[in-house]
Amino acid sequence: MSIRPLSDFATPAPIAVALDAPDLASAVVLAGQVKDSVSTFKVGLELYMRYGPDAVQQVRDAAPGRLLFLDVKLHDIPNTVGGAARAVAQLQPDILTVHAAGGGAMIAAAVEALPQTRVAAVTILTSLSAPNLDELGIVGPPIDAVRRLASLAVNAGASALVCSPAEVAAVRSEVGPEVLLITPGVRPVGADVGDQQRVATPEQALADGASLLVIGRPITAADNPGVAAAHLAASVQA
């Protein structure tokens, strides 16, 4: 196994379905319903903490050939993050997330531990607004902090970044064409934005330079997730 090229994340459509289901059985059913329309499945912190490696394996079994995005957002001292990354190496995730705010040495430790995985550095969570950043002592508008963290992460070896659609054009300009840019906070026109603060439509996010769109509730909460996924896939491939 080698690190996946950017083109793999776009086939059949550049969508990562967030399997934020209440239990593993529901997540596996969802994966089977939408696997023909999307490239990637995201196993998040809740599902992984509850079911562990079995969550990854069962999702893979339900959607063979699709990519696996392990979104656990590691954030600790470099030695601990390196150890945690080595602990999941046997799962061979195509993407693993860490927090860019952990610093360059921490990111480099994850990259060294997982040479066949795209380590994705999360810049600023899409649930945070400018006033939230002020409360945290992060000076300036979100886009400035995102650009600083994106540059730091790529210089440390990260081959993927997570940023909101509002910043993706600036980040693409900052890091160039070879970095996988992952955008949560993507909502079709008219969809409920939920707890997201900085959002855009799938079409706009891709036009601005996104590589992979993380989409959850517009697919997983639909009456027919398979139809919803197919409709979104068609909209971004048009």
Protein backbone atom coordinates (compact mmCIF):
# COMPACT_ATOMS: atom_id res chain seq x y z
CA MET A 1 0.00 0.00 0.00
CA SER A 2 1.24 3.50 -0.83
CA ILE A 3 -0.16 6.92 -0.12
CA ARG A 4 -3.24 7.46 -2.27
CA PRO A 5 -3.02 9.97 -5.15
CA LEU A 6 -5.47 12.86 -5.19
CA SER A 7 -7.38 11.29 -8.09
CA ASP A 8 -8.44 8.32 -5.93
CA PHE A 9 -10.43 10.62 -3.66
CA ALA A 10 -12.47 11.89 -6.61
CA THR A 11 -13.70 8.48 -7.82
CA PRO A 12 -16.61 8.04 -8.22
CA ALA A 13 -17.23 11.41 -6.53
CA PRO A 14 -15.10 13.50 -4.13
CA ILE A 15 -17.38 12.94 -1.14
CA ALA A 16 -16.48 11.51 2.27
CA VAL A 17 -19.64 10.39 4.05
CA ALA A 18 -19.46 11.07 7.77
CA LEU A 19 -20.76 7.86 9.37
CA ASP A 20 -21.90 9.59 12.55
CA ALA A 21 -24.46 6.89 13.26
CA PRO A 22 -25.70 5.93 16.75
CA ASP A 23 -24.23 2.43 16.46
CA LEU A 24 -21.93 0.41 14.24
CA ALA A 25 -24.71 -1.64 12.67
CA SER A 26 -26.41 1.55 11.42
CA ALA A 27 -23.10 2.88 10.10
CA VAL A 28 -22.47 -0.33 8.18
CA VAL A 29 -25.95 -0.22 6.64
CA LEU A 30 -25.37 3.42 5.60
CA ALA A 31 -22.03 2.55 4.03
CA GLY A 32 -23.66 -0.18 1.97
CA GLN A 33 -26.45 2.15 0.83
CA VAL A 34 -24.20 4.91 -0.52
CA LYS A 35 -20.97 3.13 -1.53
CA ASP A 36 -21.66 3.35 -5.27
CA SER A 37 -21.74 7.16 -5.21
CA VAL A 38 -18.84 8.27 -3.01
CA SER A 39 -15.10 7.74 -2.73
CA THR A 40 -14.56 7.77 1.01
CA PHE A 41 -16.09 6.89 4.37
CA LYS A 42 -15.26 8.81 7.54
CA VAL A 43 -15.14 6.92 10.81
CA GLY A 44 -15.23 9.59 13.49
CA LEU A 45 -14.24 9.82 17.12
CA GLU A 46 -17.53 8.63 18.61
CA LEU A 47 -17.78 5.51 16.46
CA TYR A 48 -14.09 4.65 16.92
CA MET A 49 -14.14 5.20 20.68
CA ARG A 50 -17.18 2.95 21.03
CA TYR A 51 -16.17 0.11 18.70
CA GLY A 52 -12.45 0.52 18.07
CA PRO A 53 -10.72 -1.14 15.11
CA ASP A 54 -13.82 -3.23 14.44
CA ALA A 55 -15.55 -0.06 13.20
CA VAL A 56 -12.91 0.39 10.51
CA GLN A 57 -13.00 -3.25 9.43
CA GLN A 58 -16.78 -3.51 9.23
CA VAL A 59 -17.11 -0.30 7.21
CA ARG A 60 -14.42 -1.56 4.85
CA ASP A 61 -16.25 -4.88 4.47
CA ALA A 62 -19.50 -3.05 3.66
CA ALA A 63 -17.86 -0.84 1.04
CA PRO A 64 -14.93 -2.69 -0.54
CA GLY A 65 -12.65 -0.56 -2.65
CA ARG A 66 -13.66 2.68 -0.98
CA LEU A 67 -11.21 4.82 1.03
CA LEU A 68 -11.19 4.99 4.82
CA PHE A 69 -10.85 8.30 6.65
CA LEU A 70 -10.11 7.84 10.36
CA ASP A 71 -11.06 11.15 11.94
CA VAL A 72 -9.84 11.04 15.54
CA LYS A 73 -8.02 14.40 15.59
CA LEU A 74 -4.96 13.43 17.62
CA HIS A 75 -3.57 16.23 19.78
CA ASP A 76 -0.90 15.50 22.37
CA ILE A 77 2.86 15.61 22.82
CA PRO A 78 4.83 14.32 19.81
CA ASN A 79 5.84 11.04 21.45
CA THR A 80 2.26 10.18 22.38
CA VAL A 81 0.86 11.10 18.98
CA GLY A 82 3.58 9.09 17.25
CA GLY A 83 2.69 6.09 19.42
CA ALA A 84 -1.03 6.50 18.75
CA ALA A 85 -0.39 6.72 15.00
CA ARG A 86 1.70 3.55 15.11
CA ALA A 87 -1.12 1.86 17.02
CA VAL A 88 -3.53 2.40 14.11
CA ALA A 89 -1.01 1.63 11.36
CA GLN A 90 -2.29 -1.93 11.05
CA LEU A 91 -5.70 -0.53 10.06
CA GLN A 92 -4.08 1.17 7.05
CA PRO A 93 -6.31 4.25 7.06
CA ASP A 94 -6.07 6.32 3.90
CA ILE A 95 -6.41 9.51 5.98
CA LEU A 96 -5.75 10.15 9.68
CA THR A 97 -6.44 13.50 11.32
CA VAL A 98 -4.32 15.39 13.83
CA HIS A 99 -4.75 18.91 15.15
CA ALA A 100 -2.40 21.38 13.47
CA ALA A 101 -2.34 23.34 16.74
CA GLY A 102 -0.28 20.50 18.22
CA GLY A 103 2.72 21.93 16.40
CA GLY A 104 5.19 20.87 13.77
CA ALA A 105 6.99 18.23 15.83
CA MET A 106 3.72 16.51 16.71
CA ILE A 107 2.59 16.47 13.07
CA ALA A 108 5.98 15.15 11.96
CA ALA A 109 5.73 12.32 14.51
CA ALA A 110 2.42 11.20 13.01
CA VAL A 111 3.77 11.43 9.47
CA GLU A 112 6.83 9.37 10.39
CA ALA A 113 4.65 6.70 12.02
CA LEU A 114 2.27 6.44 9.05
CA PRO A 115 4.26 6.79 5.82
CA GLN A 116 1.49 5.13 3.76
CA THR A 117 -1.31 7.34 5.11
CA ARG A 118 -2.21 10.93 4.34
CA VAL A 119 -1.88 12.71 7.66
CA ALA A 120 -4.47 15.48 7.60
CA ALA A 121 -3.92 18.45 9.88
CA VAL A 122 -7.10 20.10 11.14
CA THR A 123 -6.66 23.87 11.06
CA ILE A 124 -9.63 25.61 12.74
CA LEU A 125 -12.76 23.61 13.51
CA THR A 126 -15.73 24.61 11.35
CA SER A 127 -17.85 24.96 14.49
CA LEU A 128 -15.76 27.96 15.61
CA SER A 129 -16.63 31.52 14.64
CA ALA A 130 -14.48 34.65 14.87
CA PRO A 131 -15.86 35.50 18.37
CA ASN A 132 -15.02 31.96 19.51
CA LEU A 133 -11.43 32.44 18.34
CA ASP A 134 -11.26 35.72 20.24
CA GLU A 135 -12.29 33.84 23.38
CA LEU A 136 -9.48 31.37 22.79
CA GLY A 137 -6.93 34.15 22.35
CA ILE A 138 -6.38 33.49 18.65
CA VAL A 139 -5.80 36.91 17.15
CA GLY A 140 -7.28 37.97 13.82
CA PRO A 141 -9.98 36.55 11.57
CA PRO A 142 -10.25 32.76 11.11
CA ILE A 143 -8.68 32.88 7.66
CA ASP A 144 -5.40 34.24 9.03
CA ALA A 145 -5.14 31.51 11.67
CA VAL A 146 -6.05 28.85 9.12
CA ARG A 147 -3.34 29.98 6.70
CA ARG A 148 -0.69 30.02 9.43
CA LEU A 149 -1.63 26.54 10.63
CA ALA A 150 -1.87 25.17 7.09
CA SER A 151 1.64 26.36 6.25
CA LEU A 152 3.06 25.00 9.49
CA ALA A 153 1.44 21.59 8.93
CA VAL A 154 2.59 21.16 5.34
CA ASN A 155 6.12 22.20 6.28
CA ALA A 156 6.01 19.46 8.94
CA GLY A 157 5.06 16.84 6.35
CA ALA A 158 1.27 16.77 6.36
CA SER A 159 -0.07 15.81 2.93
CA ALA A 160 -3.66 16.78 3.71
CA LEU A 161 -5.41 19.62 5.50
CA VAL A 162 -8.87 20.12 6.93
CA CYS A 163 -10.34 23.60 6.60
CA SER A 164 -13.74 25.16 6.14
CA PRO A 165 -15.06 26.04 2.68
CA ALA A 166 -14.70 29.70 3.62
CA GLU A 167 -10.92 29.36 3.71
CA VAL A 168 -10.25 26.70 1.11
CA ALA A 169 -9.34 29.08 -1.73
CA ALA A 170 -6.80 30.88 0.45
CA VAL A 171 -5.36 27.60 1.70
CA ARG A 172 -5.05 26.22 -1.83
CA SER A 173 -3.14 29.35 -2.79
CA GLU A 174 -0.92 28.92 0.26
CA VAL A 175 -0.01 25.22 -0.13
CA GLY A 176 -0.24 24.50 -3.87
CA PRO A 177 -1.97 21.78 -5.88
CA GLU A 178 -0.58 18.54 -4.37
CA VAL A 179 -2.11 18.74 -0.89
CA LEU A 180 -5.45 17.03 -0.28
CA LEU A 181 -7.84 19.71 1.00
CA ILE A 182 -10.74 18.30 3.00
CA THR A 183 -13.73 20.51 3.70
CA PRO A 184 -16.36 19.84 6.34
CA GLY A 185 -19.17 22.35 6.68
CA VAL A 186 -20.49 21.51 3.22
CA ARG A 187 -24.24 21.86 2.84
CA PRO A 188 -26.47 21.72 -0.26
CA VAL A 189 -28.64 24.78 -0.88
CA GLY A 190 -31.46 24.88 1.67
CA ALA A 191 -29.95 22.30 4.04
CA ASP A 192 -29.80 22.87 7.79
CA VAL A 193 -26.29 24.03 8.75
CA GLY A 194 -26.53 22.42 12.21
CA ASP A 195 -23.56 23.35 14.42
CA GLN A 196 -21.39 24.52 11.52
CA GLN A 197 -20.41 28.19 11.36
CA ARG A 198 -18.42 28.55 8.12
CA VAL A 199 -20.21 26.69 5.33
CA ALA A 200 -20.61 26.54 1.54
CA THR A 201 -22.35 24.46 -1.08
CA PRO A 202 -20.52 21.42 -2.52
CA GLU A 203 -20.18 23.08 -5.90
CA GLN A 204 -18.65 26.25 -4.42
CA ALA A 205 -16.22 24.34 -2.21
CA LEU A 206 -14.87 22.37 -5.18
CA ALA A 207 -14.66 25.47 -7.36
CA ASP A 208 -12.56 27.13 -4.65
CA GLY A 209 -10.05 24.27 -4.53
CA ALA A 210 -11.40 21.57 -2.23
CA SER A 211 -10.34 17.98 -2.98
CA LEU A 212 -12.75 16.07 -0.73
CA LEU A 213 -16.09 17.14 0.72
CA VAL A 214 -17.17 15.81 4.11
CA ILE A 215 -20.94 15.42 4.09
CA GLY A 216 -22.94 13.87 6.89
CA ARG A 217 -26.53 14.68 7.71
CA PRO A 218 -27.66 15.73 4.21
CA ILE A 219 -26.95 12.10 3.26
CA THR A 220 -27.20 10.08 6.46
CA ALA A 221 -30.41 11.73 7.74
CA ALA A 222 -32.18 11.58 4.36
CA ASP A 223 -35.22 9.37 3.91
CA ASN A 224 -33.23 7.46 1.30
CA PRO A 225 -29.47 7.91 1.86
CA GLY A 226 -28.60 6.10 -1.36
CA VAL A 227 -30.68 8.47 -3.46
CA ALA A 228 -29.36 11.52 -1.56
CA ALA A 229 -25.76 10.42 -2.12
CA ALA A 230 -26.36 9.78 -5.80
CA HIS A 231 -27.97 13.20 -6.22
CA LEU A 232 -25.06 14.97 -4.50
CA ALA A 233 -22.53 12.99 -6.51
CA ALA A 234 -24.24 13.99 -9.73
CA SER A 235 -24.31 17.64 -8.67
CA VAL A 236 -20.54 17.81 -8.12
CA GLN A 237 -19.70 15.86 -11.27
CA ALA A 238 -21.83 17.99 -13.58
